[in-house]
Amino acid sequence: MAKTKMPIVMDMQPGEYWWCACGESAKQPFCDGSHETKKTGMQPLRVVIDSSKKVAWCGCKASGKKPFCDGTHTKL
């Protein structure tokens, strides 16, 4: 799955996650290392979730509140 214009809403558990910033990962919204093999020049963003909660991850990669959706996809 490449980047999408819609947020990726997920129930998340506490832990460390690496959000894909380049949009090339097959494991969206998380990094699978594609930025290295495709030489995107981008790095994933480390996110720590402290408690169980629903998260709207940015799928369009254009949010002003990366890695979270801020509605920017509606303007693309």
PDB file of N, CA and C in Angstrom:
ATOM      1  N   MET A   1       0.851  -1.178   0.000  1.00  0.00           N
ATOM      2  CA  MET A   1       0.000   0.000   0.000  1.00  0.00           C
ATOM      3  C   MET A   1       0.898   1.242   0.000  1.00  0.00           C
ATOM      4  N   ALA A   2       0.737   2.108  -0.949  1.00  0.00           N
ATOM      5  CA  ALA A   2       1.491   3.360  -0.993  1.00  0.00           C
ATOM      6  C   ALA A   2       0.713   4.437  -0.247  1.00  0.00           C
ATOM      7  N   LYS A   3       1.227   5.655  -0.282  1.00  0.00           N
ATOM      8  CA  LYS A   3       0.509   6.716   0.424  1.00  0.00           C
ATOM      9  C   LYS A   3      -0.902   6.859  -0.126  1.00  0.00           C
ATOM     10  N   THR A   4      -1.780   7.339   0.720  1.00  0.00           N
ATOM     11  CA  THR A   4      -3.186   7.470   0.386  1.00  0.00           C
ATOM     12  C   THR A   4      -3.653   8.871   0.751  1.00  0.00           C
ATOM     13  N   LYS A   5      -4.751   9.306   0.194  1.00  0.00           N
ATOM     14  CA  LYS A   5      -5.266  10.629   0.536  1.00  0.00           C
ATOM     15  C   LYS A   5      -6.096  10.608   1.810  1.00  0.00           C
ATOM     16  N   MET A   6      -6.339   9.425   2.347  1.00  0.00           N
ATOM     17  CA  MET A   6      -7.158   9.303   3.549  1.00  0.00           C
ATOM     18  C   MET A   6      -6.294   8.941   4.755  1.00  0.00           C
ATOM     19  N   PRO A   7      -6.735   9.325   5.957  1.00  0.00           N
ATOM     20  CA  PRO A   7      -6.004   8.911   7.150  1.00  0.00           C
ATOM     21  C   PRO A   7      -6.139   7.399   7.349  1.00  0.00           C
ATOM     22  N   ILE A   8      -5.195   6.827   8.040  1.00  0.00           N
ATOM     23  CA  ILE A   8      -5.221   5.407   8.373  1.00  0.00           C
ATOM     24  C   ILE A   8      -5.538   5.339   9.861  1.00  0.00           C
ATOM     25  N   VAL A   9      -6.773   4.984  10.171  1.00  0.00           N
ATOM     26  CA  VAL A   9      -7.240   4.986  11.559  1.00  0.00           C
ATOM     27  C   VAL A   9      -7.040   3.599  12.154  1.00  0.00           C
ATOM     28  N   MET A  10      -6.358   3.564  13.302  1.00  0.00           N
ATOM     29  CA  MET A  10      -6.026   2.287  13.932  1.00  0.00           C
ATOM     30  C   MET A  10      -6.155   2.392  15.444  1.00  0.00           C
ATOM     31  N   ASP A  11      -6.531   1.287  16.074  1.00  0.00           N
ATOM     32  CA  ASP A  11      -6.482   1.180  17.530  1.00  0.00           C
ATOM     33  C   ASP A  11      -5.050   0.790  17.880  1.00  0.00           C
ATOM     34  N   MET A  12      -4.370   1.666  18.606  1.00  0.00           N
ATOM     35  CA  MET A  12      -2.953   1.448  18.917  1.00  0.00           C
ATOM     36  C   MET A  12      -2.758   1.076  20.377  1.00  0.00           C
ATOM     37  N   GLN A  13      -1.763   0.251  20.598  1.00  0.00           N
ATOM     38  CA  GLN A  13      -1.355  -0.143  21.937  1.00  0.00           C
ATOM     39  C   GLN A  13      -0.091   0.635  22.297  1.00  0.00           C
ATOM     40  N   PRO A  14       0.211   0.773  23.588  1.00  0.00           N
ATOM     41  CA  PRO A  14       1.431   1.468  23.990  1.00  0.00           C
ATOM     42  C   PRO A  14       2.661   0.830  23.340  1.00  0.00           C
ATOM     43  N   GLY A  15       3.580   1.672  22.927  1.00  0.00           N
ATOM     44  CA  GLY A  15       4.810   1.170  22.327  1.00  0.00           C
ATOM     45  C   GLY A  15       5.462   2.201  21.434  1.00  0.00           C
ATOM     46  N   GLU A  16       6.544   1.775  20.810  1.00  0.00           N
ATOM     47  CA  GLU A  16       7.310   2.616  19.895  1.00  0.00           C
ATOM     48  C   GLU A  16       6.966   2.207  18.467  1.00  0.00           C
ATOM     49  N   TYR A  17       6.709   3.194  17.631  1.00  0.00           N
ATOM     50  CA  TYR A  17       6.355   2.953  16.245  1.00  0.00           C
ATOM     51  C   TYR A  17       7.186   3.877  15.354  1.00  0.00           C
ATOM     52  N   TRP A  18       7.407   3.454  14.116  1.00  0.00           N
ATOM     53  CA  TRP A  18       8.136   4.263  13.139  1.00  0.00           C
ATOM     54  C   TRP A  18       7.213   4.537  11.963  1.00  0.00           C
ATOM     55  N   TRP A  19       6.731   5.793  11.878  1.00  0.00           N
ATOM     56  CA  TRP A  19       5.801   6.220  10.837  1.00  0.00           C
ATOM     57  C   TRP A  19       6.570   6.466   9.537  1.00  0.00           C
ATOM     58  N   CYS A  20       6.062   5.918   8.444  1.00  0.00           N
ATOM     59  CA  CYS A  20       6.674   6.102   7.128  1.00  0.00           C
ATOM     60  C   CYS A  20       6.422   7.522   6.640  1.00  0.00           C
ATOM     61  N   ALA A  21       7.487   8.261   6.397  1.00  0.00           N
ATOM     62  CA  ALA A  21       7.375   9.640   5.915  1.00  0.00           C
ATOM     63  C   ALA A  21       7.459   9.742   4.391  1.00  0.00           C
ATOM     64  N   CYS A  22       8.011   8.702   3.742  1.00  0.00           N
ATOM     65  CA  CYS A  22       8.232   8.791   2.300  1.00  0.00           C
ATOM     66  C   CYS A  22       7.062   8.290   1.462  1.00  0.00           C
ATOM     67  N   GLY A  23       6.207   7.452   2.036  1.00  0.00           N
ATOM     68  CA  GLY A  23       5.068   6.923   1.299  1.00  0.00           C
ATOM     69  C   GLY A  23       5.369   5.681   0.487  1.00  0.00           C
ATOM     70  N   GLU A  24       6.577   5.158   0.565  1.00  0.00           N
ATOM     71  CA  GLU A  24       6.971   3.996  -0.231  1.00  0.00           C
ATOM     72  C   GLU A  24       6.778   2.660   0.486  1.00  0.00           C
ATOM     73  N   SER A  25       6.565   2.674   1.786  1.00  0.00           N
ATOM     74  CA  SER A  25       6.452   1.440   2.563  1.00  0.00           C
ATOM     75  C   SER A  25       5.240   0.619   2.138  1.00  0.00           C
ATOM     76  N   ALA A  26       5.397  -0.692   2.096  1.00  0.00           N
ATOM     77  CA  ALA A  26       4.291  -1.602   1.819  1.00  0.00           C
ATOM     78  C   ALA A  26       3.498  -1.877   3.087  1.00  0.00           C
ATOM     79  N   LYS A  27       3.981  -1.373   4.224  1.00  0.00           N
ATOM     80  CA  LYS A  27       3.331  -1.606   5.512  1.00  0.00           C
ATOM     81  C   LYS A  27       2.765  -0.319   6.100  1.00  0.00           C
ATOM     82  N   GLN A  28       2.187   0.524   5.271  1.00  0.00           N
ATOM     83  CA  GLN A  28       1.631   1.805   5.724  1.00  0.00           C
ATOM     84  C   GLN A  28       0.702   1.615   6.914  1.00  0.00           C
ATOM     85  N   PRO A  29       0.758   2.485   7.887  1.00  0.00           N
ATOM     86  CA  PRO A  29       1.481   3.747   7.907  1.00  0.00           C
ATOM     87  C   PRO A  29       2.897   3.632   8.460  1.00  0.00           C
ATOM     88  N   PHE A  30       3.383   2.401   8.617  1.00  0.00           N
ATOM     89  CA  PHE A  30       4.677   2.200   9.264  1.00  0.00           C
ATOM     90  C   PHE A  30       5.792   1.936   8.269  1.00  0.00           C
ATOM     91  N   CYS A  31       6.995   2.256   8.678  1.00  0.00           N
ATOM     92  CA  CYS A  31       8.183   2.101   7.837  1.00  0.00           C
ATOM     93  C   CYS A  31       8.566   0.632   7.680  1.00  0.00           C
ATOM     94  N   ASP A  32       8.938   0.250   6.462  1.00  0.00           N
ATOM     95  CA  ASP A  32       9.471  -1.089   6.207  1.00  0.00           C
ATOM     96  C   ASP A  32      10.880  -1.025   5.621  1.00  0.00           C
ATOM     97  N   GLY A  33      11.486   0.166   5.656  1.00  0.00           N
ATOM     98  CA  GLY A  33      12.842   0.339   5.142  1.00  0.00           C
ATOM     99  C   GLY A  33      12.911   0.710   3.676  1.00  0.00           C
ATOM    100  N   SER A  34      11.789   0.905   3.017  1.00  0.00           N
ATOM    101  CA  SER A  34      11.780   1.227   1.587  1.00  0.00           C
ATOM    102  C   SER A  34      12.526   2.514   1.271  1.00  0.00           C
ATOM    103  N   HIS A  35      12.559   3.456   2.218  1.00  0.00           N
ATOM    104  CA  HIS A  35      13.262   4.716   1.968  1.00  0.00           C
ATOM    105  C   HIS A  35      14.743   4.477   1.687  1.00  0.00           C
ATOM    106  N   GLU A  36      15.291   3.384   2.220  1.00  0.00           N
ATOM    107  CA  GLU A  36      16.702   3.041   1.996  1.00  0.00           C
ATOM    108  C   GLU A  36      16.908   2.467   0.594  1.00  0.00           C
ATOM    109  N   THR A  37      16.086   1.478   0.232  1.00  0.00           N
ATOM    110  CA  THR A  37      16.281   0.812  -1.058  1.00  0.00           C
ATOM    111  C   THR A  37      15.873   1.693  -2.231  1.00  0.00           C
ATOM    112  N   LYS A  38      14.919   2.582  -2.013  1.00  0.00           N
ATOM    113  CA  LYS A  38      14.468   3.461  -3.088  1.00  0.00           C
ATOM    114  C   LYS A  38      15.143   4.822  -3.032  1.00  0.00           C
ATOM    115  N   LYS A  39      16.033   4.983  -2.053  1.00  0.00           N
ATOM    116  CA  LYS A  39      16.831   6.207  -1.911  1.00  0.00           C
ATOM    117  C   LYS A  39      15.970   7.469  -1.959  1.00  0.00           C
ATOM    118  N   THR A  40      14.985   7.553  -1.073  1.00  0.00           N
ATOM    119  CA  THR A  40      14.070   8.690  -1.051  1.00  0.00           C
ATOM    120  C   THR A  40      14.668   9.917  -0.383  1.00  0.00           C
ATOM    121  N   GLY A  41      15.715   9.703   0.418  1.00  0.00           N
ATOM    122  CA  GLY A  41      16.308  10.815   1.147  1.00  0.00           C
ATOM    123  C   GLY A  41      15.489  11.209   2.370  1.00  0.00           C
ATOM    124  N   MET A  42      14.467  10.439   2.679  1.00  0.00           N
ATOM    125  CA  MET A  42      13.603  10.722   3.830  1.00  0.00           C
ATOM    126  C   MET A  42      13.837   9.680   4.911  1.00  0.00           C
ATOM    127  N   GLN A  43      13.493  10.034   6.134  1.00  0.00           N
ATOM    128  CA  GLN A  43      13.635   9.134   7.270  1.00  0.00           C
ATOM    129  C   GLN A  43      12.283   8.967   7.950  1.00  0.00           C
ATOM    130  N   PRO A  44      12.045   7.790   8.539  1.00  0.00           N
ATOM    131  CA  PRO A  44      10.795   7.601   9.269  1.00  0.00           C
ATOM    132  C   PRO A  44      10.785   8.438  10.543  1.00  0.00           C
ATOM    133  N   LEU A  45       9.603   8.665  11.069  1.00  0.00           N
ATOM    134  CA  LEU A  45       9.435   9.455  12.283  1.00  0.00           C
ATOM    135  C   LEU A  45       9.100   8.524  13.440  1.00  0.00           C
ATOM    136  N   ARG A  46       9.881   8.607  14.506  1.00  0.00           N
ATOM    137  CA  ARG A  46       9.660   7.785  15.694  1.00  0.00           C
ATOM    138  C   ARG A  46       8.492   8.362  16.496  1.00  0.00           C
ATOM    139  N   VAL A  47       7.567   7.482  16.886  1.00  0.00           N
ATOM    140  CA  VAL A  47       6.397   7.878  17.659  1.00  0.00           C
ATOM    141  C   VAL A  47       6.278   6.939  18.849  1.00  0.00           C
ATOM    142  N   VAL A  48       6.073   7.508  20.033  1.00  0.00           N
ATOM    143  CA  VAL A  48       5.846   6.697  21.223  1.00  0.00           C
ATOM    144  C   VAL A  48       4.396   6.900  21.660  1.00  0.00           C
ATOM    145  N   ILE A  49       3.656   5.808  21.733  1.00  0.00           N
ATOM    146  CA  ILE A  49       2.272   5.832  22.204  1.00  0.00           C
ATOM    147  C   ILE A  49       2.311   5.382  23.666  1.00  0.00           C
ATOM    148  N   ASP A  50       1.825   6.230  24.570  1.00  0.00           N
ATOM    149  CA  ASP A  50       1.891   5.946  26.002  1.00  0.00           C
ATOM    150  C   ASP A  50       0.720   5.141  26.534  1.00  0.00           C
ATOM    151  N   SER A  51      -0.428   5.227  25.878  1.00  0.00           N
ATOM    152  CA  SER A  51      -1.603   4.499  26.349  1.00  0.00           C
ATOM    153  C   SER A  51      -2.433   4.045  25.153  1.00  0.00           C
ATOM    154  N   SER A  52      -3.236   3.024  25.348  1.00  0.00           N
ATOM    155  CA  SER A  52      -4.092   2.514  24.269  1.00  0.00           C
ATOM    156  C   SER A  52      -5.023   3.614  23.796  1.00  0.00           C
ATOM    157  N   LYS A  53      -5.098   3.800  22.470  1.00  0.00           N
ATOM    158  CA  LYS A  53      -5.986   4.822  21.921  1.00  0.00           C
ATOM    159  C   LYS A  53      -6.138   4.636  20.428  1.00  0.00           C
ATOM    160  N   LYS A  54      -7.161   5.263  19.878  1.00  0.00           N
ATOM    161  CA  LYS A  54      -7.386   5.273  18.436  1.00  0.00           C
ATOM    162  C   LYS A  54      -6.556   6.413  17.850  1.00  0.00           C
ATOM    163  N   VAL A  55      -5.835   6.115  16.789  1.00  0.00           N
ATOM    164  CA  VAL A  55      -4.955   7.100  16.164  1.00  0.00           C
ATOM    165  C   VAL A  55      -5.313   7.226  14.683  1.00  0.00           C
ATOM    166  N   ALA A  56      -5.377   8.451  14.199  1.00  0.00           N
ATOM    167  CA  ALA A  56      -5.565   8.718  12.772  1.00  0.00           C
ATOM    168  C   ALA A  56      -4.196   9.114  12.212  1.00  0.00           C
ATOM    169  N   TRP A  57      -3.492   8.137  11.662  1.00  0.00           N
ATOM    170  CA  TRP A  57      -2.177   8.374  11.070  1.00  0.00           C
ATOM    171  C   TRP A  57      -2.355   9.091   9.742  1.00  0.00           C
ATOM    172  N   CYS A  58      -1.471  10.023   9.445  1.00  0.00           N
ATOM    173  CA  CYS A  58      -1.508  10.715   8.155  1.00  0.00           C
ATOM    174  C   CYS A  58      -1.143   9.734   7.046  1.00  0.00           C
ATOM    175  N   GLY A  59      -2.001   9.629   6.042  1.00  0.00           N
ATOM    176  CA  GLY A  59      -1.737   8.765   4.903  1.00  0.00           C
ATOM    177  C   GLY A  59      -1.236   9.526   3.696  1.00  0.00           C
ATOM    178  N   CYS A  60      -1.542  10.827   3.629  1.00  0.00           N
ATOM    179  CA  CYS A  60      -1.147  11.631   2.466  1.00  0.00           C
ATOM    180  C   CYS A  60       0.287  12.155   2.577  1.00  0.00           C
ATOM    181  N   LYS A  61       0.840  12.104   3.777  1.00  0.00           N
ATOM    182  CA  LYS A  61       2.214  12.545   4.078  1.00  0.00           C
ATOM    183  C   LYS A  61       2.380  14.055   4.008  1.00  0.00           C
ATOM    184  N   ALA A  62       1.272  14.810   3.992  1.00  0.00           N
ATOM    185  CA  ALA A  62       1.340  16.266   3.877  1.00  0.00           C
ATOM    186  C   ALA A  62       0.815  16.993   5.116  1.00  0.00           C
ATOM    187  N   SER A  63       0.450  16.263   6.151  1.00  0.00           N
ATOM    188  CA  SER A  63      -0.112  16.864   7.361  1.00  0.00           C
ATOM    189  C   SER A  63       0.857  17.849   8.005  1.00  0.00           C
ATOM    190  N   GLY A  64       0.312  18.877   8.583  1.00  0.00           N
ATOM    191  CA  GLY A  64       1.120  19.822   9.356  1.00  0.00           C
ATOM    192  C   GLY A  64       1.382  19.310  10.759  1.00  0.00           C
ATOM    193  N   LYS A  65       0.749  18.194  11.117  1.00  0.00           N
ATOM    194  CA  LYS A  65       0.906  17.596  12.447  1.00  0.00           C
ATOM    195  C   LYS A  65       1.446  16.173  12.328  1.00  0.00           C
ATOM    196  N   LYS A  66       2.356  15.955  11.392  1.00  0.00           N
ATOM    197  CA  LYS A  66       2.923  14.621  11.162  1.00  0.00           C
ATOM    198  C   LYS A  66       3.387  14.005  12.474  1.00  0.00           C
ATOM    199  N   PRO A  67       3.080  12.773  12.702  1.00  0.00           N
ATOM    200  CA  PRO A  67       2.570  11.754  11.802  1.00  0.00           C
ATOM    201  C   PRO A  67       1.054  11.616  11.828  1.00  0.00           C
ATOM    202  N   PHE A  68       0.379  12.547  12.491  1.00  0.00           N
ATOM    203  CA  PHE A  68      -1.056  12.442  12.666  1.00  0.00           C
ATOM    204  C   PHE A  68      -1.812  13.263  11.628  1.00  0.00           C
ATOM    205  N   CYS A  69      -2.994  12.802  11.288  1.00  0.00           N
ATOM    206  CA  CYS A  69      -3.826  13.484  10.294  1.00  0.00           C
ATOM    207  C   CYS A  69      -4.345  14.813  10.862  1.00  0.00           C
ATOM    208  N   ASP A  70      -4.283  15.853  10.046  1.00  0.00           N
ATOM    209  CA  ASP A  70      -4.855  17.148  10.423  1.00  0.00           C
ATOM    210  C   ASP A  70      -5.892  17.621   9.397  1.00  0.00           C
ATOM    211  N   GLY A  71      -6.279  16.731   8.480  1.00  0.00           N
ATOM    212  CA  GLY A  71      -7.279  17.078   7.477  1.00  0.00           C
ATOM    213  C   GLY A  71      -6.704  17.642   6.191  1.00  0.00           C
ATOM    214  N   THR A  72      -5.395  17.772   6.076  1.00  0.00           N
ATOM    215  CA  THR A  72      -4.772  18.324   4.877  1.00  0.00           C
ATOM    216  C   THR A  72      -5.184  17.560   3.633  1.00  0.00           C
ATOM    217  N   HIS A  73      -5.426  16.243   3.753  1.00  0.00           N
ATOM    218  CA  HIS A  73      -5.791  15.418   2.593  1.00  0.00           C
ATOM    219  C   HIS A  73      -7.033  15.951   1.873  1.00  0.00           C
ATOM    220  N   THR A  74      -7.894  16.681   2.579  1.00  0.00           N
ATOM    221  CA  THR A  74      -9.102  17.201   1.940  1.00  0.00           C
ATOM    222  C   THR A  74      -8.808  18.348   0.977  1.00  0.00           C
ATOM    223  N   LYS A  75      -7.594  18.886   1.058  1.00  0.00           N
ATOM    224  CA  LYS A  75      -7.206  20.006   0.193  1.00  0.00           C
ATOM    225  C   LYS A  75      -6.300  19.585  -0.960  1.00  0.00           C
ATOM    226  N   LEU A  76      -5.980  18.310  -1.016  1.00  0.00           N
ATOM    227  CA  LEU A  76      -5.071  17.834  -2.067  1.00  0.00           C
ATOM    228  C   LEU A  76      -5.816  17.484  -3.338  1.00  0.00           C
TER     229      LEU A  76
END
